[in-house]
PDB file of N, CA and C in Angstrom:
ATOM      1  N   MET A   1      23.128  18.287   6.796  1.00  0.00           N
ATOM      2  CA  MET A   1      24.068  17.897   5.767  1.00  0.00           C
ATOM      3  C   MET A   1      23.842  16.433   5.409  1.00  0.00           C
ATOM      4  N   SER A   2      23.771  16.147   4.140  1.00  0.00           N
ATOM      5  CA  SER A   2      23.488  14.800   3.658  1.00  0.00           C
ATOM      6  C   SER A   2      24.773  13.987   3.520  1.00  0.00           C
ATOM      7  N   ASN A   3      24.695  12.711   3.890  1.00  0.00           N
ATOM      8  CA  ASN A   3      25.841  11.814   3.727  1.00  0.00           C
ATOM      9  C   ASN A   3      25.577  10.782   2.640  1.00  0.00           C
ATOM     10  N   LYS A   4      24.775  11.145   1.666  1.00  0.00           N
ATOM     11  CA  LYS A   4      24.468  10.220   0.578  1.00  0.00           C
ATOM     12  C   LYS A   4      25.723   9.912  -0.222  1.00  0.00           C
ATOM     13  N   LYS A   5      25.781   8.687  -0.720  1.00  0.00           N
ATOM     14  CA  LYS A   5      26.887   8.267  -1.584  1.00  0.00           C
ATOM     15  C   LYS A   5      26.401   8.260  -3.025  1.00  0.00           C
ATOM     16  N   TYR A   6      27.187   8.825  -3.893  1.00  0.00           N
ATOM     17  CA  TYR A   6      26.875   8.842  -5.316  1.00  0.00           C
ATOM     18  C   TYR A   6      27.988   8.122  -6.055  1.00  0.00           C
ATOM     19  N   SER A   7      27.628   7.495  -7.135  1.00  0.00           N
ATOM     20  CA  SER A   7      28.654   6.781  -7.895  1.00  0.00           C
ATOM     21  C   SER A   7      28.606   7.206  -9.358  1.00  0.00           C
ATOM     22  N   ILE A   8      29.720   6.998  -9.995  1.00  0.00           N
ATOM     23  CA  ILE A   8      29.851   7.293 -11.421  1.00  0.00           C
ATOM     24  C   ILE A   8      30.174   5.983 -12.115  1.00  0.00           C
ATOM     25  N   SER A   9      29.489   5.742 -13.204  1.00  0.00           N
ATOM     26  CA  SER A   9      29.738   4.555 -14.005  1.00  0.00           C
ATOM     27  C   SER A   9      30.602   4.961 -15.200  1.00  0.00           C
ATOM     28  N   VAL A  10      31.764   4.331 -15.332  1.00  0.00           N
ATOM     29  CA  VAL A  10      32.689   4.689 -16.406  1.00  0.00           C
ATOM     30  C   VAL A  10      32.800   3.535 -17.390  1.00  0.00           C
ATOM     31  N   ASP A  11      32.442   3.811 -18.641  1.00  0.00           N
ATOM     32  CA  ASP A  11      32.680   2.849 -19.709  1.00  0.00           C
ATOM     33  C   ASP A  11      34.089   3.106 -20.232  1.00  0.00           C
ATOM     34  N   TRP A  12      34.926   2.103 -20.154  1.00  0.00           N
ATOM     35  CA  TRP A  12      36.334   2.248 -20.507  1.00  0.00           C
ATOM     36  C   TRP A  12      36.579   1.617 -21.853  1.00  0.00           C
ATOM     37  N   PRO A  13      37.454   2.120 -22.665  1.00  0.00           N
ATOM     38  CA  PRO A  13      38.381   3.227 -22.465  1.00  0.00           C
ATOM     39  C   PRO A  13      37.785   4.565 -22.877  1.00  0.00           C
ATOM     40  N   LEU A  14      38.445   5.637 -22.428  1.00  0.00           N
ATOM     41  CA  LEU A  14      38.008   6.997 -22.712  1.00  0.00           C
ATOM     42  C   LEU A  14      38.966   7.660 -23.691  1.00  0.00           C
ATOM     43  N   LEU A  15      38.454   8.655 -24.385  1.00  0.00           N
ATOM     44  CA  LEU A  15      39.305   9.472 -25.256  1.00  0.00           C
ATOM     45  C   LEU A  15      38.695  10.857 -25.337  1.00  0.00           C
ATOM     46  N   HIS A  16      39.531  11.865 -25.249  1.00  0.00           N
ATOM     47  CA  HIS A  16      39.100  13.257 -25.366  1.00  0.00           C
ATOM     48  C   HIS A  16      39.590  13.803 -26.696  1.00  0.00           C
ATOM     49  N   GLY A  17      38.824  14.676 -27.306  1.00  0.00           N
ATOM     50  CA  GLY A  17      39.217  15.285 -28.571  1.00  0.00           C
ATOM     51  C   GLY A  17      38.101  15.174 -29.588  1.00  0.00           C
ATOM     52  N   THR A  18      38.461  15.185 -30.868  1.00  0.00           N
ATOM     53  CA  THR A  18      37.489  15.051 -31.940  1.00  0.00           C
ATOM     54  C   THR A  18      38.073  14.200 -33.057  1.00  0.00           C
ATOM     55  N   VAL A  19      37.181  13.650 -33.857  1.00  0.00           N
ATOM     56  CA  VAL A  19      37.582  12.920 -35.060  1.00  0.00           C
ATOM     57  C   VAL A  19      36.994  13.677 -36.244  1.00  0.00           C
ATOM     58  N   SER A  20      37.820  13.933 -37.240  1.00  0.00           N
ATOM     59  CA  SER A  20      37.323  14.604 -38.436  1.00  0.00           C
ATOM     60  C   SER A  20      37.562  13.719 -39.651  1.00  0.00           C
ATOM     61  N   LYS A  21      36.783  13.994 -40.681  1.00  0.00           N
ATOM     62  CA  LYS A  21      36.854  13.251 -41.933  1.00  0.00           C
ATOM     63  C   LYS A  21      36.888  14.283 -43.054  1.00  0.00           C
ATOM     64  N   ALA A  22      37.846  14.163 -43.972  1.00  0.00           N
ATOM     65  CA  ALA A  22      37.955  15.151 -45.039  1.00  0.00           C
ATOM     66  C   ALA A  22      38.519  14.516 -46.304  1.00  0.00           C
ATOM     67  N   LYS A  23      38.218  15.155 -47.411  1.00  0.00           N
ATOM     68  CA  LYS A  23      38.823  14.812 -48.695  1.00  0.00           C
ATOM     69  C   LYS A  23      39.727  15.966 -49.072  1.00  0.00           C
ATOM     70  N   SER A  24      40.727  15.696 -49.913  1.00  0.00           N
ATOM     71  CA  SER A  24      41.652  16.770 -50.248  1.00  0.00           C
ATOM     72  C   SER A  24      42.241  16.615 -51.641  1.00  0.00           C
ATOM     73  N   LYS A  25      42.888  17.693 -52.070  1.00  0.00           N
ATOM     74  CA  LYS A  25      43.601  17.703 -53.346  1.00  0.00           C
ATOM     75  C   LYS A  25      45.036  17.271 -53.092  1.00  0.00           C
ATOM     76  N   CYS A  26      45.625  16.630 -54.076  1.00  0.00           N
ATOM     77  CA  CYS A  26      47.014  16.200 -53.934  1.00  0.00           C
ATOM     78  C   CYS A  26      47.944  17.262 -54.529  1.00  0.00           C
ATOM     79  N   GLY A  27      49.223  16.983 -54.527  1.00  0.00           N
ATOM     80  CA  GLY A  27      50.213  17.936 -55.031  1.00  0.00           C
ATOM     81  C   GLY A  27      50.497  17.822 -56.515  1.00  0.00           C
ATOM     82  N   ASN A  28      49.908  16.842 -57.160  1.00  0.00           N
ATOM     83  CA  ASN A  28      50.145  16.641 -58.596  1.00  0.00           C
ATOM     84  C   ASN A  28      49.297  17.633 -59.391  1.00  0.00           C
ATOM     85  N   LYS A  29      49.958  18.556 -60.104  1.00  0.00           N
ATOM     86  CA  LYS A  29      49.197  19.591 -60.816  1.00  0.00           C
ATOM     87  C   LYS A  29      48.416  19.052 -62.000  1.00  0.00           C
ATOM     88  N   TYR A  30      48.675  17.810 -62.420  1.00  0.00           N
ATOM     89  CA  TYR A  30      47.953  17.212 -63.544  1.00  0.00           C
ATOM     90  C   TYR A  30      46.830  16.270 -63.095  1.00  0.00           C
ATOM     91  N   CYS A  31      46.672  16.104 -61.795  1.00  0.00           N
ATOM     92  CA  CYS A  31      45.642  15.201 -61.270  1.00  0.00           C
ATOM     93  C   CYS A  31      44.262  15.821 -61.441  1.00  0.00           C
ATOM     94  N   ARG A  32      43.262  14.978 -61.673  1.00  0.00           N
ATOM     95  CA  ARG A  32      41.880  15.443 -61.846  1.00  0.00           C
ATOM     96  C   ARG A  32      41.342  16.145 -60.606  1.00  0.00           C
ATOM     97  N   CYS A  33      41.889  15.832 -59.441  1.00  0.00           N
ATOM     98  CA  CYS A  33      41.393  16.451 -58.207  1.00  0.00           C
ATOM     99  C   CYS A  33      41.607  17.962 -58.211  1.00  0.00           C
ATOM    100  N   ARG A  34      42.552  18.446 -58.990  1.00  0.00           N
ATOM    101  CA  ARG A  34      42.829  19.880 -59.069  1.00  0.00           C
ATOM    102  C   ARG A  34      41.709  20.657 -59.754  1.00  0.00           C
ATOM    103  N   HIS A  35      40.978  19.991 -60.622  1.00  0.00           N
ATOM    104  CA  HIS A  35      39.974  20.673 -61.433  1.00  0.00           C
ATOM    105  C   HIS A  35      38.551  20.190 -61.177  1.00  0.00           C
ATOM    106  N   ASP A  36      38.413  19.063 -60.475  1.00  0.00           N
ATOM    107  CA  ASP A  36      37.093  18.474 -60.275  1.00  0.00           C
ATOM    108  C   ASP A  36      36.943  18.053 -58.808  1.00  0.00           C
ATOM    109  N   ASN A  37      36.131  18.779 -58.061  1.00  0.00           N
ATOM    110  CA  ASN A  37      35.949  18.464 -56.641  1.00  0.00           C
ATOM    111  C   ASN A  37      35.321  17.098 -56.409  1.00  0.00           C
ATOM    112  N   ALA A  38      34.686  16.531 -57.418  1.00  0.00           N
ATOM    113  CA  ALA A  38      34.120  15.189 -57.284  1.00  0.00           C
ATOM    114  C   ALA A  38      35.227  14.130 -57.263  1.00  0.00           C
ATOM    115  N   CYS A  39      36.426  14.515 -57.661  1.00  0.00           N
ATOM    116  CA  CYS A  39      37.555  13.567 -57.733  1.00  0.00           C
ATOM    117  C   CYS A  39      38.580  13.783 -56.629  1.00  0.00           C
ATOM    118  N   LEU A  40      38.181  14.410 -55.533  1.00  0.00           N
ATOM    119  CA  LEU A  40      39.120  14.620 -54.433  1.00  0.00           C
ATOM    120  C   LEU A  40      39.556  13.278 -53.854  1.00  0.00           C
ATOM    121  N   HIS A  41      40.733  13.252 -53.265  1.00  0.00           N
ATOM    122  CA  HIS A  41      41.267  12.036 -52.654  1.00  0.00           C
ATOM    123  C   HIS A  41      40.728  11.889 -51.236  1.00  0.00           C
ATOM    124  N   GLY A  42      40.592  10.645 -50.797  1.00  0.00           N
ATOM    125  CA  GLY A  42      40.139  10.406 -49.442  1.00  0.00           C
ATOM    126  C   GLY A  42      38.857   9.607 -49.429  1.00  0.00           C
ATOM    127  N   PRO A  43      38.176   9.534 -48.352  1.00  0.00           N
ATOM    128  CA  PRO A  43      38.316  10.414 -47.193  1.00  0.00           C
ATOM    129  C   PRO A  43      39.493  10.030 -46.298  1.00  0.00           C
ATOM    130  N   TYR A  44      40.014  11.042 -45.643  1.00  0.00           N
ATOM    131  CA  TYR A  44      41.079  10.878 -44.667  1.00  0.00           C
ATOM    132  C   TYR A  44      40.501  11.187 -43.293  1.00  0.00           C
ATOM    133  N   TYR A  45      40.912  10.417 -42.313  1.00  0.00           N
ATOM    134  CA  TYR A  45      40.408  10.573 -40.949  1.00  0.00           C
ATOM    135  C   TYR A  45      41.531  11.087 -40.061  1.00  0.00           C
ATOM    136  N   ARG A  46      41.154  11.961 -39.123  1.00  0.00           N
ATOM    137  CA  ARG A  46      42.132  12.540 -38.207  1.00  0.00           C
ATOM    138  C   ARG A  46      41.539  12.604 -36.805  1.00  0.00           C
ATOM    139  N   TRP A  47      42.384  12.307 -35.817  1.00  0.00           N
ATOM    140  CA  TRP A  47      42.025  12.573 -34.435  1.00  0.00           C
ATOM    141  C   TRP A  47      42.750  13.853 -34.047  1.00  0.00           C
ATOM    142  N   ILE A  48      42.019  14.777 -33.404  1.00  0.00           N
ATOM    143  CA  ILE A  48      42.590  16.042 -32.969  1.00  0.00           C
ATOM    144  C   ILE A  48      42.321  16.165 -31.480  1.00  0.00           C
ATOM    145  N   GLY A  49      43.375  16.366 -30.714  1.00  0.00           N
ATOM    146  CA  GLY A  49      43.226  16.486 -29.273  1.00  0.00           C
ATOM    147  C   GLY A  49      44.502  17.004 -28.643  1.00  0.00           C
ATOM    148  N   MET A  50      44.544  16.934 -27.324  1.00  0.00           N
ATOM    149  CA  MET A  50      45.698  17.422 -26.574  1.00  0.00           C
ATOM    150  C   MET A  50      46.505  16.243 -26.042  1.00  0.00           C
ATOM    151  N   ILE A  51      47.812  16.303 -26.268  1.00  0.00           N
ATOM    152  CA  ILE A  51      48.743  15.337 -25.687  1.00  0.00           C
ATOM    153  C   ILE A  51      49.846  16.144 -25.019  1.00  0.00           C
ATOM    154  N   ALA A  52      50.032  15.911 -23.733  1.00  0.00           N
ATOM    155  CA  ALA A  52      51.046  16.625 -22.947  1.00  0.00           C
ATOM    156  C   ALA A  52      50.893  18.140 -23.087  1.00  0.00           C
ATOM    157  N   GLY A  53      49.641  18.615 -23.096  1.00  0.00           N
ATOM    158  CA  GLY A  53      49.375  20.043 -23.147  1.00  0.00           C
ATOM    159  C   GLY A  53      49.515  20.684 -24.511  1.00  0.00           C
ATOM    160  N   LYS A  54      49.741  19.875 -25.548  1.00  0.00           N
ATOM    161  CA  LYS A  54      49.905  20.420 -26.888  1.00  0.00           C
ATOM    162  C   LYS A  54      48.828  19.868 -27.810  1.00  0.00           C
ATOM    163  N   ARG A  55      48.268  20.767 -28.625  1.00  0.00           N
ATOM    164  CA  ARG A  55      47.280  20.341 -29.611  1.00  0.00           C
ATOM    165  C   ARG A  55      47.975  19.423 -30.619  1.00  0.00           C
ATOM    166  N   THR A  56      47.361  18.280 -30.863  1.00  0.00           N
ATOM    167  CA  THR A  56      47.970  17.248 -31.696  1.00  0.00           C
ATOM    168  C   THR A  56      46.962  16.733 -32.714  1.00  0.00           C
ATOM    169  N   THR A  57      47.424  16.502 -33.931  1.00  0.00           N
ATOM    170  CA  THR A  57      46.604  15.899 -34.974  1.00  0.00           C
ATOM    171  C   THR A  57      47.284  14.619 -35.419  1.00  0.00           C
ATOM    172  N   ILE A  58      46.523  13.528 -35.448  1.00  0.00           N
ATOM    173  CA  ILE A  58      47.062  12.232 -35.859  1.00  0.00           C
ATOM    174  C   ILE A  58      46.185  11.685 -36.975  1.00  0.00           C
ATOM    175  N   ASN A  59      46.804  11.330 -38.099  1.00  0.00           N
ATOM    176  CA  ASN A  59      46.074  10.686 -39.191  1.00  0.00           C
ATOM    177  C   ASN A  59      45.790   9.245 -38.798  1.00  0.00           C
ATOM    178  N   ILE A  60      44.538   8.821 -38.994  1.00  0.00           N
ATOM    179  CA  ILE A  60      44.122   7.485 -38.574  1.00  0.00           C
ATOM    180  C   ILE A  60      43.300   6.821 -39.675  1.00  0.00           C
ATOM    181  N   SER A  61      43.141   5.516 -39.579  1.00  0.00           N
ATOM    182  CA  SER A  61      42.334   4.775 -40.549  1.00  0.00           C
ATOM    183  C   SER A  61      40.853   4.892 -40.186  1.00  0.00           C
ATOM    184  N   LYS A  62      39.997   4.462 -41.087  1.00  0.00           N
ATOM    185  CA  LYS A  62      38.557   4.481 -40.841  1.00  0.00           C
ATOM    186  C   LYS A  62      38.216   3.614 -39.632  1.00  0.00           C
ATOM    187  N   GLU A  63      38.837   2.451 -39.520  1.00  0.00           N
ATOM    188  CA  GLU A  63      38.571   1.541 -38.401  1.00  0.00           C
ATOM    189  C   GLU A  63      38.993   2.175 -37.071  1.00  0.00           C
ATOM    190  N   VAL A  64      40.147   2.817 -37.057  1.00  0.00           N
ATOM    191  CA  VAL A  64      40.605   3.483 -35.834  1.00  0.00           C
ATOM    192  C   VAL A  64      39.683   4.659 -35.508  1.00  0.00           C
ATOM    193  N   ALA A  65      39.222   5.371 -36.538  1.00  0.00           N
ATOM    194  CA  ALA A  65      38.292   6.486 -36.328  1.00  0.00           C
ATOM    195  C   ALA A  65      37.012   6.000 -35.653  1.00  0.00           C
ATOM    196  N   GLU A  66      36.505   4.853 -36.076  1.00  0.00           N
ATOM    197  CA  GLU A  66      35.297   4.298 -35.468  1.00  0.00           C
ATOM    198  C   GLU A  66      35.520   3.961 -34.003  1.00  0.00           C
ATOM    199  N   GLU A  67      36.686   3.388 -33.675  1.00  0.00           N
ATOM    200  CA  GLU A  67      37.006   3.083 -32.280  1.00  0.00           C
ATOM    201  C   GLU A  67      37.173   4.369 -31.477  1.00  0.00           C
ATOM    202  N   CYS A  68      37.804   5.368 -32.075  1.00  0.00           N
ATOM    203  CA  CYS A  68      37.952   6.663 -31.401  1.00  0.00           C
ATOM    204  C   CYS A  68      36.585   7.261 -31.090  1.00  0.00           C
ATOM    205  N   GLU A  69      35.651   7.176 -32.028  1.00  0.00           N
ATOM    206  CA  GLU A  69      34.299   7.700 -31.814  1.00  0.00           C
ATOM    207  C   GLU A  69      33.628   6.998 -30.632  1.00  0.00           C
ATOM    208  N   ARG A  70      33.826   5.702 -30.512  1.00  0.00           N
ATOM    209  CA  ARG A  70      33.260   4.958 -29.380  1.00  0.00           C
ATOM    210  C   ARG A  70      33.845   5.470 -28.062  1.00  0.00           C
ATOM    211  N   ARG A  71      35.155   5.656 -28.050  1.00  0.00           N
ATOM    212  CA  ARG A  71      35.825   6.135 -26.838  1.00  0.00           C
ATOM    213  C   ARG A  71      35.447   7.575 -26.513  1.00  0.00           C
ATOM    214  N   LEU A  72      35.272   8.400 -27.543  1.00  0.00           N
ATOM    215  CA  LEU A  72      34.815   9.773 -27.340  1.00  0.00           C
ATOM    216  C   LEU A  72      33.417   9.788 -26.726  1.00  0.00           C
ATOM    217  N   GLY A  73      32.564   8.869 -27.165  1.00  0.00           N
ATOM    218  CA  GLY A  73      31.228   8.737 -26.584  1.00  0.00           C
ATOM    219  C   GLY A  73      31.300   8.374 -25.111  1.00  0.00           C
ATOM    220  N   ASN A  74      32.222   7.477 -24.761  1.00  0.00           N
ATOM    221  CA  ASN A  74      32.421   7.112 -23.356  1.00  0.00           C
ATOM    222  C   ASN A  74      32.830   8.340 -22.539  1.00  0.00           C
ATOM    223  N   PHE A  75      33.709   9.155 -23.107  1.00  0.00           N
ATOM    224  CA  PHE A  75      34.170  10.356 -22.413  1.00  0.00           C
ATOM    225  C   PHE A  75      33.019  11.344 -22.224  1.00  0.00           C
ATOM    226  N   ARG A  76      32.202  11.536 -23.264  1.00  0.00           N
ATOM    227  CA  ARG A  76      31.053  12.454 -23.159  1.00  0.00           C
ATOM    228  C   ARG A  76      30.061  11.972 -22.097  1.00  0.00           C
ATOM    229  N   LYS A  77      29.861  10.659 -22.029  1.00  0.00           N
ATOM    230  CA  LYS A  77      28.959  10.099 -21.013  1.00  0.00           C
ATOM    231  C   LYS A  77      29.492  10.405 -19.611  1.00  0.00           C
ATOM    232  N   LEU A  78      30.785  10.253 -19.409  1.00  0.00           N
ATOM    233  CA  LEU A  78      31.400  10.569 -18.119  1.00  0.00           C
ATOM    234  C   LEU A  78      31.254  12.056 -17.809  1.00  0.00           C
ATOM    235  N   GLN A  79      31.488  12.907 -18.800  1.00  0.00           N
ATOM    236  CA  GLN A  79      31.326  14.352 -18.599  1.00  0.00           C
ATOM    237  C   GLN A  79      29.905  14.689 -18.160  1.00  0.00           C
ATOM    238  N   ASN A  80      28.912  14.059 -18.779  1.00  0.00           N
ATOM    239  CA  ASN A  80      27.516  14.314 -18.422  1.00  0.00           C
ATOM    240  C   ASN A  80      27.223  13.891 -16.984  1.00  0.00           C
ATOM    241  N   GLN A  81      27.781  12.753 -16.570  1.00  0.00           N
ATOM    242  CA  GLN A  81      27.583  12.298 -15.194  1.00  0.00           C
ATOM    243  C   GLN A  81      28.217  13.266 -14.202  1.00  0.00           C
ATOM    244  N   LEU A  82      29.430  13.738 -14.521  1.00  0.00           N
ATOM    245  CA  LEU A  82      30.100  14.693 -13.648  1.00  0.00           C
ATOM    246  C   LEU A  82      29.328  16.006 -13.572  1.00  0.00           C
ATOM    247  N   GLU A  83      28.783  16.447 -14.689  1.00  0.00           N
ATOM    248  CA  GLU A  83      27.985  17.670 -14.713  1.00  0.00           C
ATOM    249  C   GLU A  83      26.740  17.515 -13.831  1.00  0.00           C
ATOM    250  N   SER A  84      26.100  16.356 -13.899  1.00  0.00           N
ATOM    251  CA  SER A  84      24.923  16.103 -13.056  1.00  0.00           C
ATOM    252  C   SER A  84      25.292  16.128 -11.575  1.00  0.00           C
ATOM    253  N   LEU A  85      26.409  15.490 -11.218  1.00  0.00           N
ATOM    254  CA  LEU A  85      26.847  15.505  -9.820  1.00  0.00           C
ATOM    255  C   LEU A  85      27.180  16.921  -9.367  1.00  0.00           C
ATOM    256  N   TYR A  86      27.825  17.678 -10.239  1.00  0.00           N
ATOM    257  CA  TYR A  86      28.161  19.060  -9.909  1.00  0.00           C
ATOM    258  C   TYR A  86      26.884  19.874  -9.663  1.00  0.00           C
ATOM    259  N   ASN A  87      25.891  19.710 -10.514  1.00  0.00           N
ATOM    260  CA  ASN A  87      24.634  20.440 -10.349  1.00  0.00           C
ATOM    261  C   ASN A  87      23.943  20.075  -9.033  1.00  0.00           C
ATOM    262  N   MET A  88      23.984  18.783  -8.660  1.00  0.00           N
ATOM    263  CA  MET A  88      23.414  18.376  -7.374  1.00  0.00           C
ATOM    264  C   MET A  88      24.202  18.993  -6.225  1.00  0.00           C
ATOM    265  N   ALA A  89      25.520  19.085  -6.372  1.00  0.00           N
ATOM    266  CA  ALA A  89      26.347  19.684  -5.323  1.00  0.00           C
ATOM    267  C   ALA A  89      26.025  21.159  -5.160  1.00  0.00           C
ATOM    268  N   ILE A  90      25.795  21.860  -6.243  1.00  0.00           N
ATOM    269  CA  ILE A  90      25.438  23.276  -6.169  1.00  0.00           C
ATOM    270  C   ILE A  90      24.094  23.451  -5.475  1.00  0.00           C
ATOM    271  N   GLU A  91      23.147  22.562  -5.777  1.00  0.00           N
ATOM    272  CA  GLU A  91      21.822  22.652  -5.145  1.00  0.00           C
ATOM    273  C   GLU A  91      21.903  22.457  -3.634  1.00  0.00           C
ATOM    274  N   SER A  92      22.875  21.667  -3.177  1.00  0.00           N
ATOM    275  CA  SER A  92      23.010  21.422  -1.737  1.00  0.00           C
ATOM    276  C   SER A  92      24.188  22.189  -1.132  1.00  0.00           C
ATOM    277  N   ALA A  93      24.607  23.248  -1.800  1.00  0.00           N
ATOM    278  CA  ALA A  93      25.727  24.058  -1.306  1.00  0.00           C
ATOM    279  C   ALA A  93      25.367  24.698   0.032  1.00  0.00           C
ATOM    280  N   PRO A  94      26.359  25.027   0.838  1.00  0.00           N
ATOM    281  CA  PRO A  94      26.101  25.583   2.173  1.00  0.00           C
ATOM    282  C   PRO A  94      25.228  26.834   2.150  1.00  0.00           C
ATOM    283  N   TRP A  95      25.354  27.660   1.137  1.00  0.00           N
ATOM    284  CA  TRP A  95      24.539  28.884   1.093  1.00  0.00           C
ATOM    285  C   TRP A  95      23.075  28.578   0.829  1.00  0.00           C
ATOM    286  N   ASN A  96      22.773  27.381   0.322  1.00  0.00           N
ATOM    287  CA  ASN A  96      21.378  26.984   0.111  1.00  0.00           C
ATOM    288  C   ASN A  96      20.777  26.331   1.358  1.00  0.00           C
ATOM    289  N   GLU A  97      21.600  25.841   2.270  1.00  0.00           N
ATOM    290  CA  GLU A  97      21.096  25.165   3.464  1.00  0.00           C
ATOM    291  C   GLU A  97      20.329  26.137   4.367  1.00  0.00           C
ATOM    292  N   ASP A  98      20.760  27.376   4.460  1.00  0.00           N
ATOM    293  CA  ASP A  98      20.082  28.364   5.309  1.00  0.00           C
ATOM    294  C   ASP A  98      18.688  28.671   4.784  1.00  0.00           C
ATOM    295  N   GLU A  99      18.494  28.615   3.493  1.00  0.00           N
ATOM    296  CA  GLU A  99      17.199  28.904   2.909  1.00  0.00           C
ATOM    297  C   GLU A  99      16.165  27.844   3.270  1.00  0.00           C
ATOM    298  N   ASP A 100      16.635  26.602   3.481  1.00  0.00           N
ATOM    299  CA  ASP A 100      15.723  25.491   3.788  1.00  0.00           C
ATOM    300  C   ASP A 100      15.185  25.579   5.211  1.00  0.00           C
ATOM    301  N   LYS A 101      15.869  26.305   6.087  1.00  0.00           N
ATOM    302  CA  LYS A 101      15.481  26.340   7.512  1.00  0.00           C
ATOM    303  C   LYS A 101      14.502  27.442   7.799  1.00  0.00           C
TER     304      LYS A 101
END
């Protein structure tokens, strides 16, 4: 059994979820956006994720969306590190130790 120490490097802060960007039509029936898709309003940015176990959508600015994307990248990097550690743990699982002998 190996007593190696492994570490995880975490770039902080983290954020889970997704950021979306969309254009949309308004409620004014006389607005050009109703008849011409080139005149849609926006873009509008949204963060979509879970808060307290509930799916949540929050409208955000372009600047906040960019910061959210950075934090989402940090979270994905952490997930990848955890996946790598998990894969190493599976390779050294007790049922694999008998095969080595």
